[in-house]
Each structure stands twice: as C-alpha cells, then as structure tokens.
C-alpha atoms as a PDB file:
ATOM      1  CA  UNK A   1      89.121 -44.769 -16.753  1.00  0.00           C
ATOM      2  CA  UNK A   2      91.139 -45.465 -20.595  1.00  0.00           C
ATOM      3  CA  UNK A   3      93.913 -47.575 -19.098  1.00  0.00           C
ATOM      4  CA  UNK A   4      97.321 -46.712 -20.494  1.00  0.00           C
ATOM      5  CA  UNK A   5      98.461 -47.960 -23.879  1.00  0.00           C
ATOM      6  CA  UNK A   6     100.671 -50.290 -23.232  1.00  0.00           C
ATOM      7  CA  UNK A   7     100.560 -52.465 -27.002  1.00  0.00           C
ATOM      8  CA  UNK A   8     104.282 -53.396 -27.018  1.00  0.00           C
ATOM      9  CA  UNK A   9     105.353 -52.146 -23.930  1.00  0.00           C
ATOM     10  CA  UNK A  10     106.224 -49.050 -21.858  1.00  0.00           C
ATOM     11  CA  UNK A  11     108.228 -46.432 -23.672  1.00  0.00           C
ATOM     12  CA  UNK A  12     108.936 -43.391 -21.702  1.00  0.00           C
ATOM     13  CA  UNK A  13     109.688 -43.564 -18.207  1.00  0.00           C
ATOM     14  CA  UNK A  14     105.883 -42.472 -16.852  1.00  0.00           C
ATOM     15  CA  UNK A  15     104.521 -44.959 -19.071  1.00  0.00           C
ATOM     16  CA  UNK A  16     106.676 -47.414 -17.194  1.00  0.00           C
ATOM     17  CA  UNK A  17     105.363 -46.150 -13.709  1.00  0.00           C
ATOM     18  CA  UNK A  18     101.945 -45.920 -14.550  1.00  0.00           C
ATOM     19  CA  UNK A  19     101.641 -49.562 -15.739  1.00  0.00           C
ATOM     20  CA  UNK A  20     103.707 -50.597 -12.548  1.00  0.00           C
ATOM     21  CA  UNK A  21     100.726 -48.432 -10.767  1.00  0.00           C
ATOM     22  CA  UNK A  22      98.320 -50.851 -12.505  1.00  0.00           C
ATOM     23  CA  UNK A  23     100.354 -53.894 -12.003  1.00  0.00           C
ATOM     24  CA  UNK A  24     100.021 -53.831  -8.550  1.00  0.00           C
ATOM     25  CA  UNK A  25      96.656 -52.643  -8.281  1.00  0.00           C
ATOM     26  CA  UNK A  26      95.305 -55.802 -10.318  1.00  0.00           C
ATOM     27  CA  UNK A  27      97.672 -58.367  -8.571  1.00  0.00           C
ATOM     28  CA  UNK A  28      96.484 -56.924  -5.054  1.00  0.00           C
ATOM     29  CA  UNK A  29      93.259 -57.631  -6.035  1.00  0.00           C
ATOM     30  CA  UNK A  30      92.282 -54.354  -5.818  1.00  0.00           C
ATOM     31  CA  UNK A  31      89.745 -52.207  -8.041  1.00  0.00           C
ATOM     32  CA  UNK A  32      90.362 -48.509  -8.952  1.00  0.00           C
ATOM     33  CA  UNK A  33      88.208 -47.640  -6.400  1.00  0.00           C
ATOM     34  CA  UNK A  34      89.285 -49.278  -3.351  1.00  0.00           C
ATOM     35  CA  UNK A  35      92.727 -48.578  -4.674  1.00  0.00           C
ATOM     36  CA  UNK A  36      91.640 -44.706  -3.861  1.00  0.00           C
ATOM     37  CA  UNK A  37      90.334 -45.271  -0.375  1.00  0.00           C
ATOM     38  CA  UNK A  38      93.033 -46.790   1.259  1.00  0.00           C
ATOM     39  CA  UNK A  39      95.293 -43.870   0.100  1.00  0.00           C
ATOM     40  CA  UNK A  40      92.394 -40.977   0.804  1.00  0.00           C
ATOM     41  CA  UNK A  41      91.352 -40.626  -2.961  1.00  0.00           C
ATOM     42  CA  UNK A  42      88.948 -41.388  -5.194  1.00  0.00           C
ATOM     43  CA  UNK A  43      88.387 -44.786  -7.955  1.00  0.00           C
ATOM     44  CA  UNK A  44      88.381 -41.947 -10.817  1.00  0.00           C
ATOM     45  CA  UNK A  45      91.365 -39.852  -9.522  1.00  0.00           C
ATOM     46  CA  UNK A  46      93.527 -43.910  -9.404  1.00  0.00           C
ATOM     47  CA  UNK A  47      92.537 -44.181 -13.119  1.00  0.00           C
ATOM     48  CA  UNK A  48      93.563 -41.067 -13.619  1.00  0.00           C
ATOM     49  CA  UNK A  49      96.595 -41.494 -12.720  1.00  0.00           C
ATOM     50  CA  UNK A  50      96.932 -44.544 -14.521  1.00  0.00           C
ATOM     51  CA  UNK A  51      96.007 -43.485 -17.693  1.00  0.00           C
ATOM     52  CA  UNK A  52      98.316 -40.407 -17.768  1.00  0.00           C
ATOM     53  CA  UNK A  53      96.031 -37.694 -16.923  1.00  0.00           C
ATOM     54  CA  UNK A  54      96.901 -37.199 -13.200  1.00  0.00           C
ATOM     55  CA  UNK A  55     101.098 -37.357 -11.883  1.00  0.00           C
ATOM     56  CA  UNK A  56     101.893 -40.109  -9.729  1.00  0.00           C
ATOM     57  CA  UNK A  57     102.114 -37.502  -6.471  1.00  0.00           C
ATOM     58  CA  UNK A  58     105.737 -38.363  -3.544  1.00  0.00           C
ATOM     59  CA  UNK A  59     102.912 -38.231  -1.294  1.00  0.00           C
ATOM     60  CA  UNK A  60     100.495 -40.641  -3.047  1.00  0.00           C
ATOM     61  CA  UNK A  61     103.491 -42.735  -4.114  1.00  0.00           C
ATOM     62  CA  UNK A  62     104.168 -43.333  -0.271  1.00  0.00           C
ATOM     63  CA  UNK A  63     101.054 -44.740   0.643  1.00  0.00           C
ATOM     64  CA  UNK A  64     101.502 -46.930  -2.407  1.00  0.00           C
ATOM     65  CA  UNK A  65     103.888 -48.238  -0.951  1.00  0.00           C
ATOM     66  CA  UNK A  66     102.686 -48.616   2.159  1.00  0.00           C
ATOM     67  CA  UNK A  67      99.923 -50.721   0.824  1.00  0.00           C
ATOM     68  CA  UNK A  68     101.726 -52.502  -1.417  1.00  0.00           C
ATOM     69  CA  UNK A  69     104.753 -53.511   0.364  1.00  0.00           C
ATOM     70  CA  UNK A  70     106.703 -52.311  -1.442  1.00  0.00           C
ATOM     71  CA  UNK A  71     109.666 -50.001   0.153  1.00  0.00           C
ATOM     72  CA  UNK A  72     110.143 -46.681  -1.730  1.00  0.00           C
ATOM     73  CA  UNK A  73     109.736 -48.013  -5.150  1.00  0.00           C
ATOM     74  CA  UNK A  74     106.450 -45.452  -6.140  1.00  0.00           C
ATOM     75  CA  UNK A  75     107.966 -42.570  -4.168  1.00  0.00           C
ATOM     76  CA  UNK A  76     111.591 -43.580  -6.609  1.00  0.00           C
ATOM     77  CA  UNK A  77     108.849 -43.886  -9.364  1.00  0.00           C
ATOM     78  CA  UNK A  78     106.594 -40.823  -9.146  1.00  0.00           C
ATOM     79  CA  UNK A  79     110.390 -39.047  -9.322  1.00  0.00           C
ATOM     80  CA  UNK A  80     108.716 -39.672 -13.463  1.00  0.00           C
ATOM     81  CA  UNK A  81     105.857 -38.450 -13.256  1.00  0.00           C
ATOM     82  CA  UNK A  82     107.225 -34.236 -14.044  1.00  0.00           C
ATOM     83  CA  UNK A  83     105.011 -31.922 -14.579  1.00  0.00           C
ATOM     84  CA  UNK A  84     104.605 -32.320 -18.252  1.00  0.00           C
ATOM     85  CA  UNK A  85     105.420 -29.653 -20.859  1.00  0.00           C
ATOM     86  CA  UNK A  86     102.015 -30.479 -22.773  1.00  0.00           C
ATOM     87  CA  UNK A  87     102.794 -29.034 -26.178  1.00  0.00           C
ATOM     88  CA  UNK A  88     100.106 -31.175 -28.349  1.00  0.00           C
ATOM     89  CA  UNK A  89      97.413 -30.130 -25.598  1.00  0.00           C
ATOM     90  CA  UNK A  90      96.635 -33.863 -25.990  1.00  0.00           C
ATOM     91  CA  UNK A  91      96.153 -34.520 -21.800  1.00  0.00           C
ATOM     92  CA  UNK A  92      94.411 -31.575 -21.271  1.00  0.00           C
ATOM     93  CA  UNK A  93      91.646 -32.423 -24.377  1.00  0.00           C
ATOM     94  CA  UNK A  94      91.638 -35.908 -22.331  1.00  0.00           C
ATOM     95  CA  UNK A  95      91.019 -33.515 -18.462  1.00  0.00           C
ATOM     96  CA  UNK A  96      88.837 -31.318 -20.360  1.00  0.00           C
ATOM     97  CA  UNK A  97      86.131 -34.118 -21.461  1.00  0.00           C
ATOM     98  CA  UNK A  98      85.084 -35.312 -17.555  1.00  0.00           C
ATOM     99  CA  UNK A  99      85.214 -31.666 -16.423  1.00  0.00           C
ATOM    100  CA  UNK A 100      82.790 -30.629 -14.887  1.00  0.00           C
ATOM    101  CA  UNK A 101      83.662 -26.628 -15.130  1.00  0.00           C
ATOM    102  CA  UNK A 102      86.459 -24.886 -16.748  1.00  0.00           C
ATOM    103  CA  UNK A 103      87.803 -21.566 -15.815  1.00  0.00           C
ATOM    104  CA  UNK A 104      89.160 -19.808 -18.848  1.00  0.00           C
ATOM    105  CA  UNK A 105      91.918 -16.638 -18.413  1.00  0.00           C
ATOM    106  CA  UNK A 106      93.748 -15.508 -21.991  1.00  0.00           C
ATOM    107  CA  UNK A 107      94.866 -12.129 -22.186  1.00  0.00           C
ATOM    108  CA  UNK A 108      96.004 -12.831 -26.157  1.00  0.00           C
ATOM    109  CA  UNK A 109      93.905 -15.390 -27.685  1.00  0.00           C
ATOM    110  CA  UNK A 110      90.895 -16.568 -28.101  1.00  0.00           C
ATOM    111  CA  UNK A 111      90.999 -20.006 -25.778  1.00  0.00           C
ATOM    112  CA  UNK A 112      90.975 -22.794 -28.218  1.00  0.00           C
ATOM    113  CA  UNK A 113      87.479 -24.314 -27.004  1.00  0.00           C
ATOM    114  CA  UNK A 114      86.300 -20.670 -28.685  1.00  0.00           C
ATOM    115  CA  UNK A 115      88.003 -20.617 -31.801  1.00  0.00           C
ATOM    116  CA  UNK A 116      86.600 -20.667 -35.326  1.00  0.00           C
ATOM    117  CA  UNK A 117      88.121 -23.090 -37.884  1.00  0.00           C
ATOM    118  CA  UNK A 118      89.795 -19.587 -39.903  1.00  0.00           C
ATOM    119  CA  UNK A 119      90.641 -17.899 -36.496  1.00  0.00           C
ATOM    120  CA  UNK A 120      92.488 -21.429 -35.130  1.00  0.00           C
ATOM    121  CA  UNK A 121      94.206 -21.473 -38.650  1.00  0.00           C
ATOM    122  CA  UNK A 122      95.516 -18.402 -38.441  1.00  0.00           C
ATOM    123  CA  UNK A 123      96.860 -19.196 -35.065  1.00  0.00           C
ATOM    124  CA  UNK A 124      98.433 -22.262 -36.029  1.00  0.00           C
ATOM    125  CA  UNK A 125      99.713 -20.929 -39.419  1.00  0.00           C
ATOM    126  CA  UNK A 126     101.384 -17.378 -37.479  1.00  0.00           C
ATOM    127  CA  UNK A 127     103.313 -20.151 -34.492  1.00  0.00           C
ATOM    128  CA  UNK A 128     104.511 -22.035 -37.821  1.00  0.00           C
ATOM    129  CA  UNK A 129     105.426 -20.205 -40.564  1.00  0.00           C
ATOM    130  CA  UNK A 130     107.158 -22.657 -42.345  1.00  0.00           C
ATOM    131  CA  UNK A 131     105.587 -26.212 -41.263  1.00  0.00           C
ATOM    132  CA  UNK A 132     104.177 -28.495 -44.216  1.00  0.00           C
ATOM    133  CA  UNK A 133      99.936 -27.602 -44.166  1.00  0.00           C
ATOM    134  CA  UNK A 134      99.139 -30.964 -43.357  1.00  0.00           C
ATOM    135  CA  UNK A 135     100.194 -30.016 -39.767  1.00  0.00           C
ATOM    136  CA  UNK A 136      98.647 -27.358 -39.289  1.00  0.00           C
ATOM    137  CA  UNK A 137      95.823 -29.027 -41.011  1.00  0.00           C
ATOM    138  CA  UNK A 138      96.494 -31.640 -38.120  1.00  0.00           C
ATOM    139  CA  UNK A 139      96.025 -29.230 -35.346  1.00  0.00           C
ATOM    140  CA  UNK A 140      93.095 -26.876 -36.326  1.00  0.00           C
ATOM    141  CA  UNK A 141      91.184 -30.704 -36.275  1.00  0.00           C
ATOM    142  CA  UNK A 142      92.119 -31.518 -33.042  1.00  0.00           C
ATOM    143  CA  UNK A 143      91.111 -27.969 -31.567  1.00  0.00           C
ATOM    144  CA  UNK A 144      88.344 -28.508 -33.260  1.00  0.00           C
ATOM    145  CA  UNK A 145      87.489 -31.386 -31.550  1.00  0.00           C
ATOM    146  CA  UNK A 146      88.272 -30.153 -28.587  1.00  0.00           C
ATOM    147  CA  UNK A 147      85.553 -27.671 -29.181  1.00  0.00           C
ATOM    148  CA  UNK A 148      82.378 -30.294 -29.649  1.00  0.00           C
ATOM    149  CA  UNK A 149      82.681 -30.239 -26.087  1.00  0.00           C
ATOM    150  CA  UNK A 150      80.560 -27.521 -26.447  1.00  0.00           C
ATOM    151  CA  UNK A 151      77.824 -29.028 -28.535  1.00  0.00           C
ATOM    152  CA  UNK A 152      76.875 -30.821 -25.145  1.00  0.00           C
ATOM    153  CA  UNK A 153      73.903 -28.252 -23.640  1.00  0.00           C
ATOM    154  CA  UNK A 154      75.314 -28.205 -19.915  1.00  0.00           C
ATOM    155  CA  UNK A 155      78.503 -29.685 -19.345  1.00  0.00           C
ATOM    156  CA  UNK A 156      80.820 -28.407 -18.838  1.00  0.00           C
ATOM    157  CA  UNK A 157      79.852 -25.286 -17.751  1.00  0.00           C
ATOM    158  CA  UNK A 158      82.703 -22.527 -19.209  1.00  0.00           C
ATOM    159  CA  UNK A 159      83.271 -19.401 -18.232  1.00  0.00           C
ATOM    160  CA  UNK A 160      86.043 -17.411 -19.575  1.00  0.00           C
ATOM    161  CA  UNK A 161      87.774 -14.067 -18.923  1.00  0.00           C
ATOM    162  CA  UNK A 162      89.072 -12.265 -21.803  1.00  0.00           C
ATOM    163  CA  UNK A 163      91.692  -9.447 -22.065  1.00  0.00           C
ATOM    164  CA  UNK A 164      90.357  -6.515 -23.994  1.00  0.00           C
ATOM    165  CA  UNK A 165      93.725  -7.193 -26.173  1.00  0.00           C
ATOM    166  CA  UNK A 166      92.154  -9.771 -27.403  1.00  0.00           C
ATOM    167  CA  UNK A 167      89.465  -8.625 -28.851  1.00  0.00           C
ATOM    168  CA  UNK A 168      92.113  -5.399 -29.879  1.00  0.00           C
ATOM    169  CA  UNK A 169      94.715  -8.197 -31.690  1.00  0.00           C
ATOM    170  CA  UNK A 170      93.975  -8.865 -35.262  1.00  0.00           C
ATOM    171  CA  UNK A 171      94.277 -12.600 -36.290  1.00  0.00           C
ATOM    172  CA  UNK A 172      93.549 -13.916 -39.470  1.00  0.00           C
ATOM    173  CA  UNK A 173      92.334 -10.004 -40.881  1.00  0.00           C
ATOM    174  CA  UNK A 174      88.861  -7.681 -40.248  1.00  0.00           C
ATOM    175  CA  UNK A 175      86.626 -10.552 -41.854  1.00  0.00           C
ATOM    176  CA  UNK A 176      88.317 -13.916 -39.560  1.00  0.00           C
ATOM    177  CA  UNK A 177      87.787 -11.424 -36.457  1.00  0.00           C
ATOM    178  CA  UNK A 178      84.434 -10.466 -37.146  1.00  0.00           C
ATOM    179  CA  UNK A 179      83.417 -14.095 -37.452  1.00  0.00           C
ATOM    180  CA  UNK A 180      85.616 -15.449 -34.095  1.00  0.00           C
ATOM    181  CA  UNK A 181      83.755 -12.462 -31.880  1.00  0.00           C
ATOM    182  CA  UNK A 182      79.971 -13.320 -33.585  1.00  0.00           C
ATOM    183  CA  UNK A 183      80.826 -16.872 -32.757  1.00  0.00           C
ATOM    184  CA  UNK A 184      81.980 -16.265 -29.515  1.00  0.00           C
ATOM    185  CA  UNK A 185      78.848 -13.680 -28.524  1.00  0.00           C
ATOM    186  CA  UNK A 186      76.350 -16.658 -30.377  1.00  0.00           C
ATOM    187  CA  UNK A 187      77.897 -19.053 -26.767  1.00  0.00           C
ATOM    188  CA  UNK A 188      76.606 -16.186 -24.599  1.00  0.00           C
ATOM    189  CA  UNK A 189      73.496 -15.696 -26.112  1.00  0.00           C
ATOM    190  CA  UNK A 190      72.389 -19.143 -25.973  1.00  0.00           C
ATOM    191  CA  UNK A 191      73.387 -19.086 -22.518  1.00  0.00           C
ATOM    192  CA  UNK A 192      75.587 -21.716 -22.777  1.00  0.00           C
ATOM    193  CA  UNK A 193      78.860 -19.774 -21.770  1.00  0.00           C
ATOM    194  CA  UNK A 194      80.093 -17.215 -19.591  1.00  0.00           C
ATOM    195  CA  UNK A 195      82.458 -14.126 -21.371  1.00  0.00           C
ATOM    196  CA  UNK A 196      83.803 -11.046 -19.138  1.00  0.00           C
ATOM    197  CA  UNK A 197      86.137  -8.715 -20.474  1.00  0.00           C
ATOM    198  CA  UNK A 198      88.483  -7.099 -18.900  1.00  0.00           C
ATOM    199  CA  UNK A 199      89.825  -3.831 -20.053  1.00  0.00           C
ATOM    200  CA  UNK A 200      92.627  -2.058 -20.237  1.00  0.00           C
ATOM    201  CA  UNK A 201      91.416   0.149 -17.276  1.00  0.00           C
ATOM    202  CA  UNK A 202      92.129  -2.035 -15.294  1.00  0.00           C
ATOM    203  CA  UNK A 203      95.573  -2.004 -14.987  1.00  0.00           C
ATOM    204  CA  UNK A 204      97.875  -4.882 -13.648  1.00  0.00           C
ATOM    205  CA  UNK A 205      94.844  -5.914 -11.397  1.00  0.00           C
ATOM    206  CA  UNK A 206      93.550  -7.333 -14.616  1.00  0.00           C
ATOM    207  CA  UNK A 207      96.623  -9.361 -15.457  1.00  0.00           C
ATOM    208  CA  UNK A 208      96.581 -13.177 -14.605  1.00  0.00           C
ATOM    209  CA  UNK A 209      98.645 -14.433 -17.005  1.00  0.00           C
ATOM    210  CA  UNK A 210      99.469 -15.559 -21.215  1.00  0.00           C
ATOM    211  CA  UNK A 211      97.003 -18.085 -20.762  1.00  0.00           C
ATOM    212  CA  UNK A 212      95.280 -20.205 -17.463  1.00  0.00           C
ATOM    213  CA  UNK A 213      92.572 -22.639 -17.050  1.00  0.00           C
ATOM    214  CA  UNK A 214      91.477 -24.432 -14.133  1.00  0.00           C
ATOM    215  CA  UNK A 215      88.926 -27.552 -14.342  1.00  0.00           C
ATOM    216  CA  UNK A 216      86.668 -28.876 -11.808  1.00  0.00           C
ATOM    217  CA  UNK A 217      85.537 -32.320 -11.689  1.00  0.00           C
ATOM    218  CA  UNK A 218      83.132 -34.805  -9.910  1.00  0.00           C
ATOM    219  CA  UNK A 219      85.388 -36.713  -7.819  1.00  0.00           C
ATOM    220  CA  UNK A 220      88.574 -35.549  -7.918  1.00  0.00           C
ATOM    221  CA  UNK A 221      90.562 -32.242  -7.473  1.00  0.00           C
ATOM    222  CA  UNK A 222      91.260 -29.412  -9.121  1.00  0.00           C
ATOM    223  CA  UNK A 223      93.950 -29.298 -11.887  1.00  0.00           C
ATOM    224  CA  UNK A 224      95.398 -25.970 -13.345  1.00  0.00           C
ATOM    225  CA  UNK A 225      96.553 -25.413 -16.624  1.00  0.00           C
ATOM    226  CA  UNK A 226      99.282 -22.636 -17.936  1.00  0.00           C
ATOM    227  CA  UNK A 227     101.126 -21.317 -20.055  1.00  0.00           C
ATOM    228  CA  UNK A 228     103.170 -19.850 -22.128  1.00  0.00           C
ATOM    229  CA  UNK A 229     104.869 -19.468 -25.990  1.00  0.00           C
ATOM    230  CA  UNK A 230     105.949 -22.983 -26.929  1.00  0.00           C
ATOM    231  CA  UNK A 231     105.034 -24.606 -23.335  1.00  0.00           C
ATOM    232  CA  UNK A 232     102.463 -26.074 -21.315  1.00  0.00           C
ATOM    233  CA  UNK A 233     101.925 -26.883 -17.616  1.00  0.00           C
ATOM    234  CA  UNK A 234      99.479 -29.404 -15.463  1.00  0.00           C
ATOM    235  CA  UNK A 235      99.496 -28.455 -12.401  1.00  0.00           C
ATOM    236  CA  UNK A 236      97.279 -30.756  -9.315  1.00  0.00           C
ATOM    237  CA  UNK A 237      99.382 -28.997  -6.152  1.00  0.00           C
ATOM    238  CA  UNK A 238      96.048 -27.988  -3.621  1.00  0.00           C
ATOM    239  CA  UNK A 239      98.706 -25.312  -3.455  1.00  0.00           C
ATOM    240  CA  UNK A 240      98.910 -23.953  -6.527  1.00  0.00           C
ATOM    241  CA  UNK A 241      95.907 -24.867  -7.708  1.00  0.00           C
ATOM    242  CA  UNK A 242      93.938 -22.797  -4.973  1.00  0.00           C
ATOM    243  CA  UNK A 243      96.487 -19.557  -5.772  1.00  0.00           C
ATOM    244  CA  UNK A 244      95.485 -19.347  -9.219  1.00  0.00           C
ATOM    245  CA  UNK A 245      91.821 -20.102  -7.945  1.00  0.00           C
ATOM    246  CA  UNK A 246      92.909 -16.438  -5.713  1.00  0.00           C
ATOM    247  CA  UNK A 247      94.603 -14.863  -8.259  1.00  0.00           C
ATOM    248  CA  UNK A 248      91.298 -16.036 -11.348  1.00  0.00           C
ATOM    249  CA  UNK A 249      88.986 -14.567  -8.869  1.00  0.00           C
ATOM    250  CA  UNK A 250      90.848 -11.005  -8.416  1.00  0.00           C
ATOM    251  CA  UNK A 251      91.283 -10.458 -12.382  1.00  0.00           C
ATOM    252  CA  UNK A 252      87.139 -11.954 -12.265  1.00  0.00           C
ATOM    253  CA  UNK A 253      86.391  -9.032 -10.178  1.00  0.00           C
ATOM    254  CA  UNK A 254      88.371  -6.232 -11.928  1.00  0.00           C
ATOM    255  CA  UNK A 255      86.671  -7.446 -15.484  1.00  0.00           C
ATOM    256  CA  UNK A 256      83.205  -6.103 -16.642  1.00  0.00           C
ATOM    257  CA  UNK A 257      80.011  -7.566 -16.240  1.00  0.00           C
ATOM    258  CA  UNK A 258      79.057 -10.506 -18.385  1.00  0.00           C
ATOM    259  CA  UNK A 259      76.047  -8.119 -20.103  1.00  0.00           C
ATOM    260  CA  UNK A 260      78.723  -5.311 -20.399  1.00  0.00           C
ATOM    261  CA  UNK A 261      80.734  -7.056 -21.797  1.00  0.00           C
ATOM    262  CA  UNK A 262      78.598  -9.328 -24.161  1.00  0.00           C
ATOM    263  CA  UNK A 263      78.203  -5.533 -25.553  1.00  0.00           C
ATOM    264  CA  UNK A 264      81.780  -5.206 -26.071  1.00  0.00           C
ATOM    265  CA  UNK A 265      82.591  -7.994 -28.132  1.00  0.00           C
ATOM    266  CA  UNK A 266      79.199  -7.431 -30.260  1.00  0.00           C
ATOM    267  CA  UNK A 267      80.640  -3.828 -30.967  1.00  0.00           C
ATOM    268  CA  UNK A 268      84.089  -4.882 -31.921  1.00  0.00           C
ATOM    269  CA  UNK A 269      82.677  -7.509 -33.771  1.00  0.00           C
ATOM    270  CA  UNK A 270      81.112  -5.067 -36.389  1.00  0.00           C
ATOM    271  CA  UNK A 271      83.607  -2.748 -36.226  1.00  0.00           C
ATOM    272  CA  UNK A 272      85.688  -5.391 -37.840  1.00  0.00           C
ATOM    273  CA  UNK A 273      83.109  -6.565 -39.746  1.00  0.00           C
ATOM    274  CA  UNK A 274      82.831  -2.864 -41.034  1.00  0.00           C
ATOM    275  CA  UNK A 275      85.902  -2.927 -41.430  1.00  0.00           C
ATOM    276  CA  UNK A 276      86.346  -6.145 -43.517  1.00  0.00           C
ATOM    277  CA  UNK A 277      84.111  -5.036 -46.170  1.00  0.00           C
ATOM    278  CA  UNK A 278      85.823  -1.717 -47.046  1.00  0.00           C
END
C-alpha cells in the first residue's frame, strides 16, 4: 500500500492524522499487518488508512490509542477523517484498483468505468459549459484511465444496474449514444461484465439513488460510494454498507434479466444508429 505523499509536510488535518498513524506505528516497530492484528483489522486496511483510502474510524482510533498508550490522541485525530466529498474521484479510483468486485447502480448516466471518450466528454462539458478545454480534457483523461481496469480479463468483477432512463437520456447526440450502448454490449458479450436494466415499469422498487457503487476487497471490509450533484461520498460504516447492499439487492431483483437487458441495450443502440443516419 502506497504511503501518503508527505514531501514538504502535511497540508491538511487528514494528512497530518495519516502521518501520525504511520509515525507511531513505525516508532513502535510494527508492520501494518502487526498493527492490524492488534486492532482487529488487516494489514491492508491499516495501509489504506495511512494512504488516505480509508478513514480512521473512532472505534479503531480508541484501540490504537490503547496500543500506543497515547490517551485519546488518535480518537481526537479521527475527527479529521470526515467522510470526503471527492469531486475528482481520486479516492474512489484508488479503491477500484484493489477491489475484487464492483457493483454499480446508475439512474441517469452511464457509470464512468463504462463511458466512451465521446460520451464522457459530453457529460463533462454538460456539467462545465464554460470550463477551458484543458480542464475538460483532464477530466476525460482521468476517467478513461479508470476504465483501463477492464483491460484485465477477470478482475475486478463488475456488475452494473442501469435504470432505463440511462438508455433514454440522449448524451452527445444519437451517434454518441449508439456507440456508447454498443460499447457496453461488447463487454457483456465478451463475458467481462454483467449488466441489468431496470425498466420504468419497476416503479419505486427500481430506484436506488442517483449513483451508487459498492466495492469488495480480498482482505478488507466493503465500502460504498454514493453520488449526487457536485458531491460524492465514501462510506465504510458497516451498518450503512449493509443497508446499501439490501437496497442494491432489491433493485437487482426488480431489474430485467441479464439476457433481456442486453437485448434492450442493443435495441436502443440500433434505434440511435438509425436516427444518426437520418
């Protein structure tokens, strides 16, 4: 697990807290795995706290204080680890790289991992109509780099639920939509991902939120990322993650089968392709 970038010193309270955790652990002569054993976590989880991908939760901070005999020092520092509003999705991208499985739901847009360059650019430009081209290019490049995860033929497992509104919301014009939906269908036909479509007829049972992503790991607890307009937030609290799983399963049950979903996606792609030619 990568260490936080501390060249020049901590710049935020979160960075300071991460550095203090690492400094105390190394001063005690403990590896990440050894500290993890003493606080009922894995070494990978400790590394993720030190690297900024996981929050220093108060219950873990209390055990760390006991282990290092630091009073309530780390409990107080844990308050700096607030749930982040990650506009650039950097923390999410780091977790995606080590996830064994990702379960996405989207109500309006194709999730970033599956976006084509043209679709992604149209999304970015729509949300930043007056931004310089260099800014939009940077956002698009970052998103396409995330999508390279799917170059691996096996990991992570990706299961995506799309509300039918995603197929009907025209982003970038009919030609862009045709290419985007064919792009998704190609991954399904290659058996790389599983996609289900929630039809409008599913009603409230098929509504989970705007965008939700649940990530699983080989040796760490699940995390959930949820997104709304101009804000994204990571959760690793067990109860919240469990509730997201319950709602995800209900939504998955309300969706079309993977086979019927693929047919719906390919049918919509052909309709857009026809419209693009007229």
